[in-house]
Amino acid sequence: MLDLNEIRRQIDEIDKQLVSLYEERMQLATDVANYKIETGKKILDTSREESKLKAIENMVKDETNKHGVNELFTQIMAMSRKMQYRLMELNGLTLRQPCEIIDHIDKEHCKVVYQGVPGAYTYIAMKRFFGENVNHIQVDTWRDVMEAVKNGDADFAVFPIENSTTGTVAKVYDLLQEYNNYIIAETYVKVEHALLGLPETDMNNIKMVYSHPQGLLQCEKYLDGHKDWQQIGQPNTAGSAKRILEDKDPTQVAIASKEAAQCYGLKVLAENINDEDNNTTRFVIVTNKRIFVKGAKKMSICFETNDEAGTLYNLMSHIIYNGLNMTKIESRPIEGRAWEFRFFVDFMGNIDDLAVKNALRGIEEEANSIKLLGNY
């Protein structure tokens, strides 16, 4: 019978050798990095790595071990690259574009743009973040919002980007990638939908209910109790409330915020009708300047990569290797390129942290493209 303790002893001895050989190899990789720093050569040499892996595979005697050995050395070479990227950053050879660090956002002397009408949740988010007396303008579409910031018609913009029950606002992600505007802050608003009608509206006579499609979806359970009501989608919740006022039809109601009821002089027929009590929307504050508030703790980036096995993992490994906590990853199809995707990633860290610099450097070197969306 095999002696398990003896087998484990031999494994421990082999592991000891592996650790020693790994450290020796990484020291040589450091020498390679110093050479590349002096000569200006790129860290990633894809053809060299591919030929190296093929040569290593040919050394394997047991065919069943080839895949495992390939994976092992792929990881070893990846860790070597990460160490080399770190040395590049330590030597001041950063790829990062310059940015300005500010102490705080001047909320009193600015103009803010948002999409929608008074009473919308974006309107509420803007008021809560910038204050009741904020100097603001409103536009019809999210693209109009981006254009206003881009052209300097507004200093900041407020966008809904994610809801805790219905997920991300995909079009906003696309616009963040398209425009050279940057996230500088975020804020959260709890969604508390109410049923709004004219002062004379009778619950027994309601025929139609208006709201944004997400508003209708978020109140599905409540609306199931009123299956005779026709549900009609609108561009936004507050616009639905405004329509009730304009149509002056007591058989029509809207699902919107209580703030919208105040804005348009409507009656609150029912409160807190959304299915989830903890339903919350995350909003981002965007500016056209590459500025970040001192002490910012969250990074948002997007990048593109090849549609090949392991490429996404390799890029994510830069975040893992540098000990950073990834809080979100989202994919969006790339327009005009079938079955190709762009990835949006949030992780914790500050743009001046060495770990963040290393991770961004590694992703920038190995992705097809990368864009910093903000540090906030």
Protein backbone atom coordinates (compact mmCIF):
# COMPACT_ATOMS: atom_id res chain seq x y z
CA MET A 1 0.00 0.00 0.00
CA LEU A 2 1.20 3.53 -0.86
CA ASP A 3 2.40 5.66 2.03
CA LEU A 4 0.38 8.92 1.81
CA ASN A 5 2.68 10.75 4.21
CA GLU A 6 5.72 9.83 2.10
CA ILE A 7 3.96 11.01 -1.08
CA ARG A 8 3.14 14.32 0.57
CA ARG A 9 6.73 14.69 1.76
CA GLN A 10 7.96 14.27 -1.81
CA ILE A 11 5.38 16.81 -3.05
CA ASP A 12 6.57 19.29 -0.41
CA GLU A 13 10.14 18.82 -1.59
CA ILE A 14 9.17 19.42 -5.21
CA ASP A 15 7.16 22.52 -4.21
CA LYS A 16 10.20 23.86 -2.39
CA GLN A 17 12.21 23.49 -5.59
CA LEU A 18 9.46 25.12 -7.62
CA VAL A 19 9.40 28.17 -5.33
CA SER A 20 13.16 28.52 -5.57
CA LEU A 21 13.09 28.20 -9.35
CA TYR A 22 10.20 30.66 -9.61
CA GLU A 23 12.10 33.30 -7.65
CA GLU A 24 15.17 32.71 -9.80
CA ARG A 25 13.09 33.06 -12.96
CA MET A 26 11.48 36.30 -11.73
CA GLN A 27 14.91 37.77 -11.00
CA LEU A 28 15.87 37.07 -14.60
CA ALA A 29 12.59 38.63 -15.69
CA THR A 30 13.59 41.73 -13.72
CA ASP A 31 16.81 41.85 -15.74
CA VAL A 32 14.73 41.58 -18.92
CA ALA A 33 12.54 44.46 -17.71
CA ASN A 34 15.55 46.67 -17.02
CA TYR A 35 16.88 45.92 -20.50
CA LYS A 36 13.51 46.87 -22.04
CA ILE A 37 13.39 50.07 -19.98
CA GLU A 38 16.83 51.05 -21.29
CA THR A 39 16.08 50.16 -24.92
CA GLY A 40 12.41 51.22 -25.05
CA LYS A 41 11.18 47.78 -26.11
CA LYS A 42 7.58 46.78 -25.34
CA ILE A 43 6.94 44.41 -22.46
CA LEU A 44 4.49 42.16 -24.30
CA ASP A 45 6.12 40.13 -27.05
CA THR A 46 3.33 37.88 -28.31
CA SER A 47 5.34 35.98 -30.92
CA ARG A 48 8.09 35.23 -28.38
CA GLU A 49 5.54 33.90 -25.87
CA GLU A 50 3.81 31.73 -28.47
CA SER A 51 7.07 30.15 -29.64
CA LYS A 52 8.13 29.66 -26.02
CA LEU A 53 4.90 27.83 -25.16
CA LYS A 54 5.26 25.54 -28.18
CA ALA A 55 8.84 24.71 -27.20
CA ILE A 56 7.75 23.93 -23.63
CA GLU A 57 4.91 21.71 -24.84
CA ASN A 58 7.43 19.68 -26.85
CA MET A 59 9.36 19.00 -23.65
CA VAL A 60 6.35 17.27 -22.03
CA LYS A 61 6.65 13.48 -22.08
CA ASP A 62 3.12 12.62 -20.92
CA GLU A 63 0.60 13.87 -23.52
CA THR A 64 -2.08 14.30 -20.86
CA ASN A 65 0.07 16.94 -19.13
CA LYS A 66 0.50 19.21 -22.16
CA HIS A 67 -2.54 21.39 -21.50
CA GLY A 68 -1.68 21.77 -17.81
CA VAL A 69 1.94 22.71 -18.55
CA ASN A 70 0.77 25.20 -21.17
CA GLU A 71 -1.56 26.82 -18.63
CA LEU A 72 1.15 26.86 -15.95
CA PHE A 73 3.69 28.64 -18.12
CA THR A 74 1.07 30.99 -19.53
CA GLN A 75 0.45 32.15 -15.96
CA ILE A 76 4.16 32.36 -15.16
CA MET A 77 4.77 34.58 -18.17
CA ALA A 78 1.72 36.69 -17.29
CA MET A 79 3.07 37.25 -13.77
CA SER A 80 6.44 38.16 -15.26
CA ARG A 81 4.76 40.81 -17.43
CA LYS A 82 2.87 42.24 -14.47
CA MET A 83 6.10 42.59 -12.52
CA GLN A 84 7.71 44.30 -15.52
CA TYR A 85 4.80 46.74 -15.84
CA ARG A 86 5.27 47.61 -12.18
CA LEU A 87 8.95 48.38 -12.77
CA MET A 88 8.03 50.59 -15.73
CA GLU A 89 5.69 52.63 -13.54
CA LEU A 90 8.27 52.87 -10.74
CA ASN A 91 10.75 54.24 -13.28
CA GLY A 92 8.30 56.97 -14.30
CA LEU A 93 7.53 55.44 -17.71
CA THR A 94 3.77 55.79 -17.30
CA LEU A 95 1.23 55.71 -20.11
CA ARG A 96 -1.29 57.69 -18.09
CA GLN A 97 -2.52 60.96 -19.54
CA PRO A 98 -2.21 63.98 -17.23
CA CYS A 99 -5.16 64.83 -15.00
CA GLU A 100 -6.01 67.42 -12.38
CA ILE A 101 -6.81 66.50 -8.80
CA ILE A 102 -9.25 68.90 -7.10
CA ASP A 103 -10.19 69.19 -3.42
CA HIS A 104 -13.94 69.29 -3.99
CA ILE A 105 -16.66 69.94 -6.56
CA ASP A 106 -17.82 73.55 -6.59
CA LYS A 107 -21.57 72.96 -6.40
CA GLU A 108 -22.51 76.63 -5.99
CA HIS A 109 -20.85 78.23 -9.03
CA CYS A 110 -21.77 75.77 -11.80
CA LYS A 111 -24.45 74.91 -14.33
CA VAL A 112 -25.91 71.40 -14.48
CA VAL A 113 -27.76 69.68 -17.31
CA TYR A 114 -30.16 66.74 -17.07
CA GLN A 115 -32.52 64.86 -19.37
CA GLY A 116 -36.23 64.96 -18.68
CA VAL A 117 -38.62 67.28 -16.90
CA PRO A 118 -39.00 68.55 -13.33
CA GLY A 119 -39.99 65.79 -10.94
CA ALA A 120 -38.03 63.07 -12.76
CA TYR A 121 -35.72 60.93 -10.64
CA THR A 122 -32.73 62.46 -12.44
CA TYR A 123 -34.08 65.87 -11.45
CA ILE A 124 -34.33 64.65 -7.85
CA ALA A 125 -30.76 63.28 -7.96
CA MET A 126 -29.50 66.61 -9.31
CA LYS A 127 -31.24 68.62 -6.57
CA ARG A 128 -30.02 66.35 -3.80
CA PHE A 129 -26.41 66.40 -5.03
CA PHE A 130 -26.05 70.06 -6.06
CA GLY A 131 -28.69 71.64 -3.82
CA GLU A 132 -32.17 73.06 -4.29
CA ASN A 133 -30.90 76.29 -5.83
CA VAL A 134 -28.70 74.68 -8.48
CA ASN A 135 -28.42 76.56 -11.79
CA HIS A 136 -29.67 73.97 -14.27
CA ILE A 137 -30.93 73.35 -17.79
CA GLN A 138 -32.96 70.47 -19.16
CA VAL A 139 -32.75 68.72 -22.54
CA ASP A 140 -34.69 66.01 -24.34
CA THR A 141 -32.18 63.17 -24.79
CA TRP A 142 -29.12 61.69 -23.09
CA ARG A 143 -27.07 62.53 -26.18
CA ASP A 144 -28.17 66.16 -25.80
CA VAL A 145 -26.88 65.98 -22.23
CA MET A 146 -23.47 64.75 -23.39
CA GLU A 147 -23.33 67.41 -26.09
CA ALA A 148 -24.14 70.16 -23.59
CA VAL A 149 -21.24 69.11 -21.37
CA LYS A 150 -18.90 68.56 -24.31
CA ASN A 151 -19.62 72.03 -25.72
CA GLY A 152 -19.34 73.76 -22.36
CA ASP A 153 -23.01 74.75 -22.17
CA ALA A 154 -23.02 73.05 -18.76
CA ASP A 155 -20.27 72.24 -16.28
CA PHE A 156 -21.78 68.97 -15.09
CA ALA A 157 -24.38 66.43 -16.18
CA VAL A 158 -26.44 63.91 -14.21
CA PHE A 159 -27.11 60.46 -15.69
CA PRO A 160 -28.94 57.39 -14.37
CA ILE A 161 -26.57 54.48 -14.91
CA GLU A 162 -27.86 51.54 -12.90
CA ASN A 163 -30.95 50.37 -11.01
CA SER A 164 -30.81 47.77 -8.26
CA THR A 165 -33.73 45.78 -9.71
CA THR A 166 -33.76 46.42 -13.48
CA GLY A 167 -30.01 46.60 -14.06
CA THR A 168 -27.86 48.94 -16.11
CA VAL A 169 -28.91 51.78 -18.38
CA ALA A 170 -27.09 50.46 -21.43
CA LYS A 171 -27.34 53.56 -23.63
CA VAL A 172 -25.61 55.67 -20.98
CA TYR A 173 -22.67 53.25 -20.99
CA ASP A 174 -22.44 53.61 -24.76
CA LEU A 175 -22.40 57.41 -24.50
CA LEU A 176 -19.71 57.36 -21.79
CA GLN A 177 -17.50 55.42 -24.19
CA GLU A 178 -18.30 57.65 -27.15
CA TYR A 179 -17.67 61.06 -25.56
CA ASN A 180 -14.52 62.36 -23.88
CA ASN A 181 -16.39 63.26 -20.71
CA TYR A 182 -15.50 61.87 -17.29
CA ILE A 183 -17.34 60.62 -14.22
CA ILE A 184 -16.40 62.74 -11.22
CA ALA A 185 -18.97 61.59 -8.64
CA GLU A 186 -21.94 59.29 -8.04
CA THR A 187 -25.12 59.54 -6.00
CA TYR A 188 -28.01 57.25 -5.15
CA VAL A 189 -31.76 57.87 -5.08
CA LYS A 190 -34.24 55.42 -3.61
CA VAL A 191 -37.07 54.79 -6.05
CA GLU A 192 -40.41 55.36 -4.36
CA HIS A 193 -43.07 55.19 -7.04
CA ALA A 194 -46.49 56.64 -6.38
CA LEU A 195 -49.75 56.53 -8.32
CA LEU A 196 -50.66 60.09 -9.34
CA GLY A 197 -53.89 61.52 -10.71
CA LEU A 198 -55.93 64.69 -10.97
CA PRO A 199 -57.54 65.98 -7.76
CA GLU A 200 -60.92 64.67 -8.94
CA THR A 201 -59.66 61.23 -10.06
CA ASP A 202 -61.64 58.27 -8.67
CA MET A 203 -59.74 54.98 -8.32
CA ASN A 204 -62.83 53.09 -9.55
CA ASN A 205 -62.87 54.95 -12.87
CA ILE A 206 -59.22 54.61 -13.92
CA LYS A 207 -58.69 53.26 -17.45
CA MET A 208 -55.07 54.08 -18.37
CA VAL A 209 -51.77 54.30 -16.51
CA TYR A 210 -48.70 56.06 -17.94
CA SER A 211 -45.06 55.66 -16.96
CA HIS A 212 -41.61 54.85 -18.23
CA PRO A 213 -41.47 51.12 -19.21
CA GLN A 214 -39.13 50.50 -16.25
CA GLY A 215 -41.57 52.26 -13.96
CA LEU A 216 -44.35 49.95 -15.13
CA LEU A 217 -42.06 46.93 -14.72
CA GLN A 218 -41.01 47.98 -11.23
CA CYS A 219 -44.68 48.15 -10.16
CA GLU A 220 -45.72 44.88 -11.80
CA LYS A 221 -47.23 43.34 -8.66
CA TYR A 222 -49.34 46.40 -7.93
CA LEU A 223 -50.54 46.62 -11.53
CA ASP A 224 -51.45 42.91 -11.49
CA GLY A 225 -54.22 43.95 -9.13
CA HIS A 226 -55.57 46.32 -11.78
CA LYS A 227 -55.48 44.26 -14.96
CA ASP A 228 -58.24 46.35 -16.52
CA TRP A 229 -55.91 49.38 -16.69
CA GLN A 230 -54.20 49.91 -20.03
CA GLN A 231 -50.45 50.36 -19.49
CA ILE A 232 -48.81 52.93 -21.79
CA GLY A 233 -45.06 53.49 -21.84
CA GLN A 234 -43.62 57.02 -21.87
CA PRO A 235 -40.09 58.48 -22.24
CA ASN A 236 -39.88 59.12 -18.48
CA THR A 237 -41.92 58.96 -15.28
CA ALA A 238 -42.19 62.69 -14.62
CA GLY A 239 -43.25 63.27 -18.23
CA SER A 240 -46.09 60.87 -17.56
CA ALA A 241 -47.19 63.00 -14.62
CA LYS A 242 -46.99 66.11 -16.78
CA ARG A 243 -49.20 64.44 -19.37
CA ILE A 244 -51.90 63.74 -16.78
CA LEU A 245 -51.99 67.47 -15.98
CA GLU A 246 -52.10 68.47 -19.66
CA ASP A 247 -54.74 65.89 -20.74
CA LYS A 248 -57.02 66.76 -17.79
CA ASP A 249 -58.60 63.30 -18.05
CA PRO A 250 -59.57 61.89 -14.62
CA THR A 251 -59.52 58.33 -16.02
CA GLN A 252 -55.76 58.58 -16.61
CA VAL A 253 -53.06 58.17 -13.96
CA ALA A 254 -49.28 58.10 -13.88
CA ILE A 255 -46.61 56.22 -11.98
CA ALA A 256 -43.95 58.69 -10.87
CA SER A 257 -42.37 60.23 -7.78
CA LYS A 258 -44.19 62.21 -5.11
CA GLU A 259 -41.95 65.12 -6.14
CA ALA A 260 -43.59 64.95 -9.58
CA ALA A 261 -47.00 65.25 -7.91
CA GLN A 262 -45.81 68.46 -6.22
CA CYS A 263 -44.40 69.83 -9.49
CA TYR A 264 -47.64 69.33 -11.42
CA GLY A 265 -50.28 69.75 -8.73
CA LEU A 266 -51.43 66.12 -8.84
CA LYS A 267 -52.96 63.99 -6.10
CA VAL A 268 -51.10 61.00 -4.67
CA LEU A 269 -53.56 58.11 -4.98
CA ALA A 270 -51.19 55.43 -3.64
CA GLU A 271 -47.67 55.53 -2.22
CA ASN A 272 -44.71 53.12 -2.42
CA ILE A 273 -46.27 50.89 -5.07
CA ASN A 274 -42.97 49.54 -6.47
CA ASP A 275 -42.36 45.84 -5.95
CA GLU A 276 -38.99 46.19 -4.21
CA ASP A 277 -38.78 48.33 -1.10
CA ASN A 278 -35.01 48.76 -1.52
CA ASN A 279 -35.22 49.73 -5.20
CA THR A 280 -32.42 52.27 -5.77
CA THR A 281 -30.99 54.01 -8.82
CA ARG A 282 -27.33 54.99 -9.09
CA PHE A 283 -26.56 58.26 -10.87
CA VAL A 284 -23.21 59.54 -12.11
CA ILE A 285 -22.03 63.14 -12.29
CA VAL A 286 -20.11 63.83 -15.51
CA THR A 287 -17.86 66.69 -16.65
CA ASN A 288 -15.81 67.39 -19.79
CA LYS A 289 -12.60 68.03 -17.84
CA ARG A 290 -10.15 65.31 -16.87
CA ILE A 291 -10.45 66.16 -13.20
CA PHE A 292 -10.92 63.92 -10.17
CA VAL A 293 -11.68 64.70 -6.56
CA LYS A 294 -8.87 64.10 -4.10
CA GLY A 295 -9.36 60.80 -2.28
CA ALA A 296 -11.59 59.27 -4.98
CA LYS A 297 -12.05 55.55 -4.34
CA LYS A 298 -13.68 54.02 -7.42
CA MET A 299 -12.33 53.58 -10.95
CA SER A 300 -14.45 53.07 -14.06
CA ILE A 301 -12.86 51.96 -17.32
CA CYS A 302 -13.90 50.33 -20.58
CA PHE A 303 -11.79 48.28 -22.96
CA GLU A 304 -11.95 46.07 -26.04
CA THR A 305 -10.16 42.78 -26.57
CA ASN A 306 -9.83 40.00 -29.14
CA ASP A 307 -12.49 37.28 -29.27
CA GLU A 308 -10.08 34.55 -28.20
CA ALA A 309 -10.03 32.08 -25.33
CA GLY A 310 -8.53 33.55 -22.18
CA THR A 311 -8.17 37.17 -23.34
CA LEU A 312 -10.79 38.57 -20.95
CA TYR A 313 -9.36 36.55 -18.07
CA ASN A 314 -5.86 37.81 -18.82
CA LEU A 315 -7.00 41.42 -18.69
CA MET A 316 -8.99 40.90 -15.50
CA SER A 317 -5.96 39.25 -13.93
CA HIS A 318 -4.22 42.64 -13.80
CA ILE A 319 -6.88 43.79 -11.34
CA ILE A 320 -6.55 40.60 -9.30
CA TYR A 321 -2.73 40.60 -9.33
CA ASN A 322 -2.64 44.14 -7.94
CA GLY A 323 -5.03 43.31 -5.12
CA LEU A 324 -7.87 45.51 -6.34
CA ASN A 325 -11.54 44.76 -5.66
CA MET A 326 -13.60 44.62 -8.86
CA THR A 327 -17.19 45.65 -8.11
CA LYS A 328 -18.80 45.43 -11.55
CA ILE A 329 -18.31 44.17 -15.08
CA GLU A 330 -20.71 44.82 -17.94
CA SER A 331 -20.47 43.95 -21.64
CA ARG A 332 -21.95 45.91 -24.55
CA PRO A 333 -21.93 44.92 -28.25
CA ILE A 334 -19.65 47.05 -30.44
CA GLU A 335 -21.66 48.80 -33.13
CA GLY A 336 -20.89 47.58 -36.64
CA ARG A 337 -18.84 44.59 -35.45
CA ALA A 338 -20.99 41.48 -35.08
CA TRP A 339 -20.38 39.38 -31.96
CA GLU A 340 -17.65 41.69 -30.66
CA PHE A 341 -18.04 43.28 -27.26
CA ARG A 342 -16.75 46.16 -25.19
CA PHE A 343 -16.35 45.63 -21.45
CA PHE A 344 -17.09 48.17 -18.72
CA VAL A 345 -15.40 47.54 -15.39
CA ASP A 346 -15.57 49.23 -11.98
CA PHE A 347 -12.97 48.55 -9.31
CA MET A 348 -11.91 50.20 -6.09
CA GLY A 349 -8.85 52.46 -6.07
CA ASN A 350 -7.42 55.93 -6.65
CA ILE A 351 -5.72 57.02 -9.85
CA ASP A 352 -2.54 57.85 -7.91
CA ASP A 353 -2.33 54.43 -6.22
CA LEU A 354 0.60 52.37 -7.51
CA ALA A 355 -1.60 49.27 -7.69
CA VAL A 356 -4.10 51.14 -9.88
CA LYS A 357 -1.33 52.48 -12.12
CA ASN A 358 0.05 48.96 -12.53
CA ALA A 359 -3.36 47.48 -13.37
CA LEU A 360 -4.18 50.22 -15.88
CA ARG A 361 -0.74 49.88 -17.44
CA GLY A 362 -1.13 46.14 -17.89
CA ILE A 363 -4.62 46.42 -19.40
CA GLU A 364 -3.53 49.25 -21.69
CA GLU A 365 -0.56 47.22 -22.96
CA GLU A 366 -2.61 44.08 -23.66
CA ALA A 367 -6.12 45.29 -24.62
CA ASN A 368 -6.99 46.47 -28.11
CA SER A 369 -8.09 49.75 -26.55
CA ILE A 370 -8.84 51.17 -23.11
CA LYS A 371 -10.57 54.30 -21.89
CA LEU A 372 -10.65 55.79 -18.41
CA LEU A 373 -14.25 56.77 -17.67
CA GLY A 374 -13.60 58.32 -14.29
CA ASN A 375 -12.24 58.15 -10.76
CA TYR A 376 -14.77 59.16 -8.13
